[in-house]
Amino acid sequence: MRLDDVDLNNTIFTCMQEIAEMTECQLVSPLQNSTVLLESGLDSLGFAMLVSRLEEELGFDPFVQMEEPVYPATLGEFLAIYQKFAPAQ
C-alpha cells in the first residue's frame, strides 16, 4: 500500500511549520501548489532542514533516489516529487 498523498502532504506541511518555528521564519499563508518555494518563508537552510526532517519522518529522500537532479520551483513541484518517490507501504 502506498503512502496516501493526503497524509504525505500533511506531514510535509507539518514539518514545514516546525522548521519555520525553529528558524523563526514566517510561512506565507495560505501555502498553495503555486507558491514559489523561495517565497514561502523558508530560506535555503530551512529547506535543507526540511528535507532532512522529512527523511527522518518518512524514511526516504527522493532527491537521493533521482537519476537526474530536479530542483522544484513551487510547492506543488516539491510535493509531486515526494509523491512520485514515496515507497510502497
N, C-alpha and C. Protein backbone atom coordinates (compact mmCIF):
# COMPACT_ATOMS: atom_id res chain seq x y z
N MET A 1 0.84 -1.19 0.00
CA MET A 1 0.00 0.00 0.00
C MET A 1 0.88 1.24 0.00
N ARG A 2 0.60 2.16 -0.86
CA ARG A 2 1.37 3.38 -1.00
C ARG A 2 0.94 4.41 0.05
N LEU A 3 1.90 5.18 0.52
CA LEU A 3 1.60 6.25 1.46
C LEU A 3 0.58 7.18 0.83
N ASP A 4 -0.51 7.43 1.50
CA ASP A 4 -1.58 8.28 1.00
C ASP A 4 -1.06 9.70 0.75
N ASP A 5 -1.41 10.27 -0.42
CA ASP A 5 -0.93 11.60 -0.78
C ASP A 5 -1.38 12.66 0.22
N VAL A 6 -2.58 12.51 0.78
CA VAL A 6 -3.06 13.47 1.77
C VAL A 6 -2.21 13.40 3.03
N ASP A 7 -1.92 12.18 3.50
CA ASP A 7 -1.07 12.03 4.68
C ASP A 7 0.33 12.55 4.42
N LEU A 8 0.84 12.27 3.23
CA LEU A 8 2.16 12.75 2.84
C LEU A 8 2.21 14.27 2.84
N ASN A 9 1.23 14.89 2.21
CA ASN A 9 1.18 16.35 2.16
C ASN A 9 1.04 16.94 3.56
N ASN A 10 0.20 16.33 4.40
CA ASN A 10 0.03 16.83 5.77
C ASN A 10 1.34 16.74 6.54
N THR A 11 2.08 15.65 6.36
CA THR A 11 3.38 15.50 7.02
C THR A 11 4.34 16.60 6.55
N ILE A 12 4.35 16.86 5.25
CA ILE A 12 5.24 17.89 4.71
C ILE A 12 4.86 19.26 5.27
N PHE A 13 3.57 19.60 5.27
CA PHE A 13 3.14 20.89 5.79
C PHE A 13 3.45 21.03 7.28
N THR A 14 3.25 19.96 8.05
CA THR A 14 3.56 19.98 9.48
C THR A 14 5.05 20.22 9.70
N CYS A 15 5.88 19.51 8.95
CA CYS A 15 7.33 19.68 9.08
C CYS A 15 7.76 21.08 8.64
N MET A 16 7.13 21.61 7.61
CA MET A 16 7.45 22.98 7.18
C MET A 16 7.17 23.97 8.32
N GLN A 17 6.04 23.81 8.97
CA GLN A 17 5.68 24.70 10.06
C GLN A 17 6.67 24.56 11.22
N GLU A 18 7.06 23.33 11.55
CA GLU A 18 8.02 23.11 12.63
C GLU A 18 9.37 23.76 12.31
N ILE A 19 9.84 23.61 11.08
CA ILE A 19 11.11 24.21 10.68
C ILE A 19 11.00 25.72 10.71
N ALA A 20 9.87 26.26 10.25
CA ALA A 20 9.68 27.71 10.29
C ALA A 20 9.75 28.23 11.72
N GLU A 21 9.14 27.52 12.65
CA GLU A 21 9.17 27.92 14.06
C GLU A 21 10.59 27.83 14.61
N MET A 22 11.31 26.75 14.28
CA MET A 22 12.68 26.58 14.77
C MET A 22 13.60 27.68 14.25
N THR A 23 13.39 28.10 13.02
CA THR A 23 14.28 29.09 12.40
C THR A 23 13.72 30.51 12.50
N GLU A 24 12.61 30.63 13.23
CA GLU A 24 11.95 31.92 13.43
C GLU A 24 11.61 32.60 12.11
N CYS A 25 11.08 31.78 11.18
CA CYS A 25 10.60 32.28 9.89
C CYS A 25 9.08 32.27 9.91
N GLN A 26 8.49 33.07 9.05
CA GLN A 26 7.04 33.10 8.92
C GLN A 26 6.67 32.57 7.54
N LEU A 27 5.93 31.45 7.51
CA LEU A 27 5.47 30.91 6.24
C LEU A 27 4.36 31.80 5.68
N VAL A 28 4.31 31.92 4.36
CA VAL A 28 3.23 32.67 3.75
C VAL A 28 1.93 31.90 3.95
N SER A 29 0.86 32.63 3.95
CA SER A 29 -0.43 31.99 4.14
C SER A 29 -1.40 32.53 3.10
N PRO A 30 -2.11 31.68 2.45
CA PRO A 30 -2.03 30.22 2.54
C PRO A 30 -0.94 29.68 1.63
N LEU A 31 -0.36 28.55 2.03
CA LEU A 31 0.57 27.84 1.16
C LEU A 31 -0.26 27.14 0.09
N GLN A 32 0.11 27.33 -1.16
CA GLN A 32 -0.62 26.72 -2.27
C GLN A 32 0.37 26.03 -3.19
N ASN A 33 -0.13 25.19 -4.07
CA ASN A 33 0.74 24.50 -5.02
C ASN A 33 1.55 25.49 -5.85
N SER A 34 0.99 26.64 -6.13
CA SER A 34 1.67 27.64 -6.95
C SER A 34 2.66 28.50 -6.16
N THR A 35 2.73 28.32 -4.84
CA THR A 35 3.65 29.11 -4.03
C THR A 35 5.09 28.82 -4.45
N VAL A 36 5.82 29.87 -4.81
CA VAL A 36 7.24 29.73 -5.16
C VAL A 36 7.99 29.40 -3.88
N LEU A 37 8.79 28.33 -3.92
CA LEU A 37 9.47 27.86 -2.71
C LEU A 37 10.31 28.96 -2.06
N LEU A 38 11.03 29.72 -2.88
CA LEU A 38 11.89 30.77 -2.33
C LEU A 38 11.08 31.94 -1.76
N GLU A 39 9.77 31.94 -1.97
CA GLU A 39 8.90 32.98 -1.43
C GLU A 39 7.96 32.42 -0.37
N SER A 40 8.21 31.19 0.07
CA SER A 40 7.32 30.53 1.02
C SER A 40 7.55 30.97 2.46
N GLY A 41 8.71 31.56 2.71
CA GLY A 41 9.06 31.95 4.07
C GLY A 41 10.27 31.20 4.58
N LEU A 42 10.57 30.04 4.00
CA LEU A 42 11.78 29.30 4.38
C LEU A 42 12.92 29.71 3.46
N ASP A 43 14.10 29.82 4.05
CA ASP A 43 15.28 30.10 3.23
C ASP A 43 15.94 28.77 2.84
N SER A 44 17.08 28.83 2.17
CA SER A 44 17.73 27.61 1.70
C SER A 44 18.13 26.69 2.86
N LEU A 45 18.58 27.27 3.97
CA LEU A 45 18.90 26.45 5.14
C LEU A 45 17.64 25.77 5.67
N GLY A 46 16.54 26.51 5.68
CA GLY A 46 15.27 25.95 6.13
C GLY A 46 14.84 24.77 5.28
N PHE A 47 15.06 24.87 3.96
CA PHE A 47 14.69 23.75 3.09
C PHE A 47 15.62 22.56 3.28
N ALA A 48 16.89 22.82 3.53
CA ALA A 48 17.81 21.72 3.82
C ALA A 48 17.37 21.00 5.09
N MET A 49 16.98 21.77 6.09
CA MET A 49 16.48 21.19 7.34
C MET A 49 15.19 20.42 7.09
N LEU A 50 14.33 20.97 6.23
CA LEU A 50 13.05 20.32 5.92
C LEU A 50 13.28 18.96 5.26
N VAL A 51 14.15 18.90 4.27
CA VAL A 51 14.42 17.64 3.58
C VAL A 51 15.00 16.62 4.55
N SER A 52 15.87 17.07 5.44
CA SER A 52 16.45 16.17 6.44
C SER A 52 15.37 15.66 7.40
N ARG A 53 14.51 16.55 7.86
CA ARG A 53 13.43 16.16 8.78
C ARG A 53 12.47 15.20 8.09
N LEU A 54 12.15 15.48 6.82
CA LEU A 54 11.24 14.60 6.09
C LEU A 54 11.84 13.21 5.90
N GLU A 55 13.14 13.15 5.70
CA GLU A 55 13.78 11.83 5.59
C GLU A 55 13.62 11.06 6.89
N GLU A 56 13.75 11.74 8.02
CA GLU A 56 13.56 11.09 9.33
C GLU A 56 12.12 10.63 9.50
N GLU A 57 11.17 11.50 9.13
CA GLU A 57 9.75 11.22 9.32
C GLU A 57 9.23 10.16 8.34
N LEU A 58 9.66 10.25 7.09
CA LEU A 58 9.10 9.41 6.04
C LEU A 58 9.94 8.19 5.69
N GLY A 59 11.23 8.25 6.04
CA GLY A 59 12.11 7.13 5.77
C GLY A 59 12.70 7.09 4.37
N PHE A 60 12.59 8.19 3.63
CA PHE A 60 13.19 8.25 2.30
C PHE A 60 13.50 9.69 1.93
N ASP A 61 14.46 9.84 1.03
CA ASP A 61 14.84 11.14 0.49
C ASP A 61 14.73 11.04 -1.03
N PRO A 62 13.70 11.63 -1.62
CA PRO A 62 13.50 11.48 -3.06
C PRO A 62 14.63 12.09 -3.89
N PHE A 63 15.31 13.08 -3.34
CA PHE A 63 16.37 13.75 -4.08
C PHE A 63 17.60 12.85 -4.26
N VAL A 64 17.77 11.89 -3.36
CA VAL A 64 18.85 10.91 -3.47
C VAL A 64 18.46 9.83 -4.48
N GLN A 65 17.18 9.55 -4.59
CA GLN A 65 16.70 8.49 -5.47
C GLN A 65 16.64 8.90 -6.94
N MET A 66 16.66 10.18 -7.22
CA MET A 66 16.54 10.67 -8.60
C MET A 66 17.77 10.32 -9.42
N GLU A 67 17.53 9.93 -10.67
CA GLU A 67 18.64 9.69 -11.58
C GLU A 67 19.24 11.01 -12.05
N GLU A 68 18.38 11.99 -12.32
CA GLU A 68 18.83 13.33 -12.69
C GLU A 68 18.26 14.30 -11.68
N PRO A 69 19.08 15.19 -11.15
CA PRO A 69 18.58 16.10 -10.13
C PRO A 69 17.52 17.06 -10.68
N VAL A 70 16.50 17.26 -9.88
CA VAL A 70 15.44 18.21 -10.20
C VAL A 70 15.32 19.15 -9.02
N TYR A 71 15.26 20.43 -9.31
CA TYR A 71 15.13 21.43 -8.26
C TYR A 71 13.76 22.06 -8.39
N PRO A 72 12.83 21.69 -7.52
CA PRO A 72 11.47 22.20 -7.64
C PRO A 72 11.42 23.71 -7.42
N ALA A 73 10.59 24.39 -8.19
CA ALA A 73 10.44 25.84 -8.06
C ALA A 73 9.23 26.20 -7.20
N THR A 74 8.21 25.34 -7.23
CA THR A 74 6.98 25.64 -6.49
C THR A 74 6.70 24.56 -5.45
N LEU A 75 5.83 24.87 -4.54
CA LEU A 75 5.43 23.89 -3.53
C LEU A 75 4.78 22.68 -4.19
N GLY A 76 3.98 22.91 -5.22
CA GLY A 76 3.35 21.80 -5.93
C GLY A 76 4.37 20.84 -6.52
N GLU A 77 5.44 21.38 -7.10
CA GLU A 77 6.50 20.54 -7.65
C GLU A 77 7.21 19.77 -6.55
N PHE A 78 7.44 20.42 -5.41
CA PHE A 78 8.07 19.78 -4.26
C PHE A 78 7.22 18.61 -3.77
N LEU A 79 5.91 18.84 -3.63
CA LEU A 79 5.00 17.78 -3.19
C LEU A 79 4.97 16.64 -4.19
N ALA A 80 4.94 16.96 -5.48
CA ALA A 80 4.88 15.93 -6.53
C ALA A 80 6.11 15.03 -6.50
N ILE A 81 7.27 15.60 -6.19
CA ILE A 81 8.49 14.79 -6.10
C ILE A 81 8.36 13.78 -4.96
N TYR A 82 7.87 14.23 -3.82
CA TYR A 82 7.69 13.30 -2.69
C TYR A 82 6.63 12.25 -3.01
N GLN A 83 5.57 12.64 -3.69
CA GLN A 83 4.53 11.68 -4.06
C GLN A 83 5.08 10.65 -5.04
N LYS A 84 5.87 11.08 -6.00
CA LYS A 84 6.41 10.18 -7.03
C LYS A 84 7.34 9.13 -6.42
N PHE A 85 8.17 9.53 -5.46
CA PHE A 85 9.18 8.63 -4.92
C PHE A 85 8.78 7.96 -3.61
N ALA A 86 7.55 8.18 -3.14
CA ALA A 86 7.12 7.55 -1.89
C ALA A 86 7.14 6.03 -2.06
N PRO A 87 7.77 5.32 -1.12
CA PRO A 87 7.83 3.86 -1.24
C PRO A 87 6.46 3.23 -0.99
N ALA A 88 6.26 2.06 -1.56
CA ALA A 88 5.06 1.29 -1.28
C ALA A 88 5.12 0.84 0.16
N GLN A 89 4.01 0.89 0.83
CA GLN A 89 3.96 0.51 2.25
C GLN A 89 3.67 -0.97 2.40
